[in-house]
Protein backbone atom coordinates (compact mmCIF):
# COMPACT_ATOMS: atom_id res chain seq x y z
CA ALA A 1 -1.46 21.22 -0.86
CA GLY A 2 -2.80 23.01 2.17
CA ALA A 3 -2.68 21.88 5.89
CA VAL A 4 -6.28 20.26 5.52
CA GLU A 5 -5.44 18.40 2.53
CA THR A 6 -2.22 17.19 4.19
CA LEU A 7 -3.76 16.32 7.36
CA SER A 8 -6.19 14.45 5.64
CA ALA A 9 -3.83 12.25 4.11
CA LEU A 10 -2.41 11.32 7.49
CA PRO A 11 -4.68 8.37 8.25
CA ILE A 12 -3.92 6.83 5.05
CA VAL A 13 -0.14 6.99 5.41
CA VAL A 14 -0.49 5.59 9.23
CA PHE A 15 -2.68 2.62 8.37
CA ALA A 16 -0.60 1.99 5.45
CA TYR A 17 2.41 1.11 7.32
CA THR A 18 0.88 -0.33 10.78
CA CYS A 19 2.23 -3.53 11.12
CA HIS A 20 3.23 -3.96 14.55
CA GLN A 21 0.19 -6.04 15.75
CA ASN A 22 1.41 -8.63 13.53
CA MET A 23 4.88 -8.55 15.41
CA PHE A 24 3.85 -11.37 17.65
CA SER A 25 2.56 -13.87 15.16
CA ILE A 26 5.97 -13.06 12.99
CA VAL A 27 8.21 -13.69 15.96
CA ASN A 28 6.51 -16.95 16.83
CA GLU A 29 6.91 -18.08 12.96
CA ILE A 30 10.05 -17.05 12.24
CA LYS A 31 12.90 -19.71 12.93
CA ASP A 32 15.68 -17.33 13.96
CA ASN A 33 13.70 -14.82 15.78
CA SER A 34 16.84 -12.97 16.98
CA PRO A 35 16.80 -9.05 16.88
CA SER A 36 19.01 -8.91 14.15
CA SER A 37 16.74 -10.92 12.04
CA MET A 38 13.41 -9.08 12.72
CA VAL A 39 15.23 -5.67 12.02
CA ARG A 40 15.88 -7.20 8.43
CA VAL A 41 11.94 -9.05 8.10
CA ILE A 42 10.71 -5.20 9.21
CA VAL A 43 13.14 -3.55 6.81
CA LEU A 44 12.30 -6.01 4.05
CA SER A 45 8.54 -5.52 4.52
CA ILE A 46 8.41 -1.91 5.27
CA GLY A 47 10.53 -1.37 2.05
CA SER A 48 8.64 -3.59 -0.16
CA ALA A 49 5.74 -1.87 0.89
CA ALA A 50 7.23 1.64 0.14
CA SER A 51 8.47 0.69 -2.92
CA ILE A 52 5.09 -0.76 -4.19
CA TYR A 53 3.56 2.89 -3.15
CA LEU A 54 6.10 4.62 -4.86
CA VAL A 55 5.64 2.74 -8.39
CA VAL A 56 1.89 3.58 -8.05
CA ALA A 57 2.12 6.89 -7.03
CA ILE A 58 4.92 7.60 -9.85
CA THR A 59 2.77 5.59 -12.59
CA GLY A 60 -0.19 7.88 -11.68
CA TYR A 61 1.80 10.90 -11.83
CA ILE A 62 3.54 10.08 -15.22
CA THR A 63 0.03 9.08 -16.68
CA PHE A 64 -2.24 11.78 -15.49
CA GLY A 65 0.34 14.68 -14.49
CA ASN A 66 -0.97 17.28 -12.21
CA ASP A 67 -4.62 16.38 -13.05
CA ILE A 68 -4.28 13.38 -10.83
CA VAL A 69 -6.86 12.96 -8.16
CA GLY A 70 -6.84 10.73 -4.92
CA ASN A 71 -8.28 7.82 -6.67
CA ILE A 72 -6.06 7.27 -9.82
CA VAL A 73 -8.38 3.90 -10.54
CA LEU A 74 -11.34 5.96 -11.18
CA MET A 75 -9.15 8.18 -13.95
CA TYR A 76 -8.35 5.32 -16.29
CA PRO A 77 -10.71 5.31 -19.41
CA THR A 78 -13.09 2.46 -19.68
CA GLY A 79 -11.59 -0.68 -21.54
CA VAL A 80 -10.61 -4.07 -21.15
CA ALA A 81 -7.45 -3.59 -18.95
CA SER A 82 -8.87 -1.15 -16.66
CA THR A 83 -11.96 -3.57 -16.30
CA ILE A 84 -9.70 -6.19 -15.24
CA GLY A 85 -7.76 -3.99 -12.85
CA LYS A 86 -10.93 -3.00 -11.14
CA ALA A 87 -11.94 -6.76 -11.04
CA ALA A 88 -8.73 -7.70 -9.56
CA ILE A 89 -9.05 -5.05 -6.50
CA VAL A 90 -12.32 -6.49 -5.96
CA ILE A 91 -11.25 -9.89 -5.91
CA LEU A 92 -8.44 -8.70 -3.46
CA VAL A 93 -10.86 -7.06 -1.25
CA LEU A 94 -13.09 -9.89 -1.15
CA PHE A 95 -10.61 -12.31 -0.19
CA SER A 96 -8.47 -10.07 2.28
CA ILE A 97 -8.44 -11.32 5.68
CA PRO A 98 -9.34 -8.44 8.32
CA LEU A 99 -6.51 -7.95 10.87
């Protein structure tokens, strides 16, 4: 990928891992809000998000190889499983609470 493609992916990466705006509410909600406890929460949350992104990326690459495009959902053939997956994404977006 060239520089333009790499830079166009930067906002996705930045917003995928932004959680600093939630830290105040998290600190107030956790019973033990010591620095070591907060580090554990941060590592677990970022690690969980990175693991999910990695599984999706590897699954898309295994399925489509080098022909993969940015939105892997559009590449799956029309069928019951892909329709259920697309409906689940719509429900997820509909009931998401904006930060």
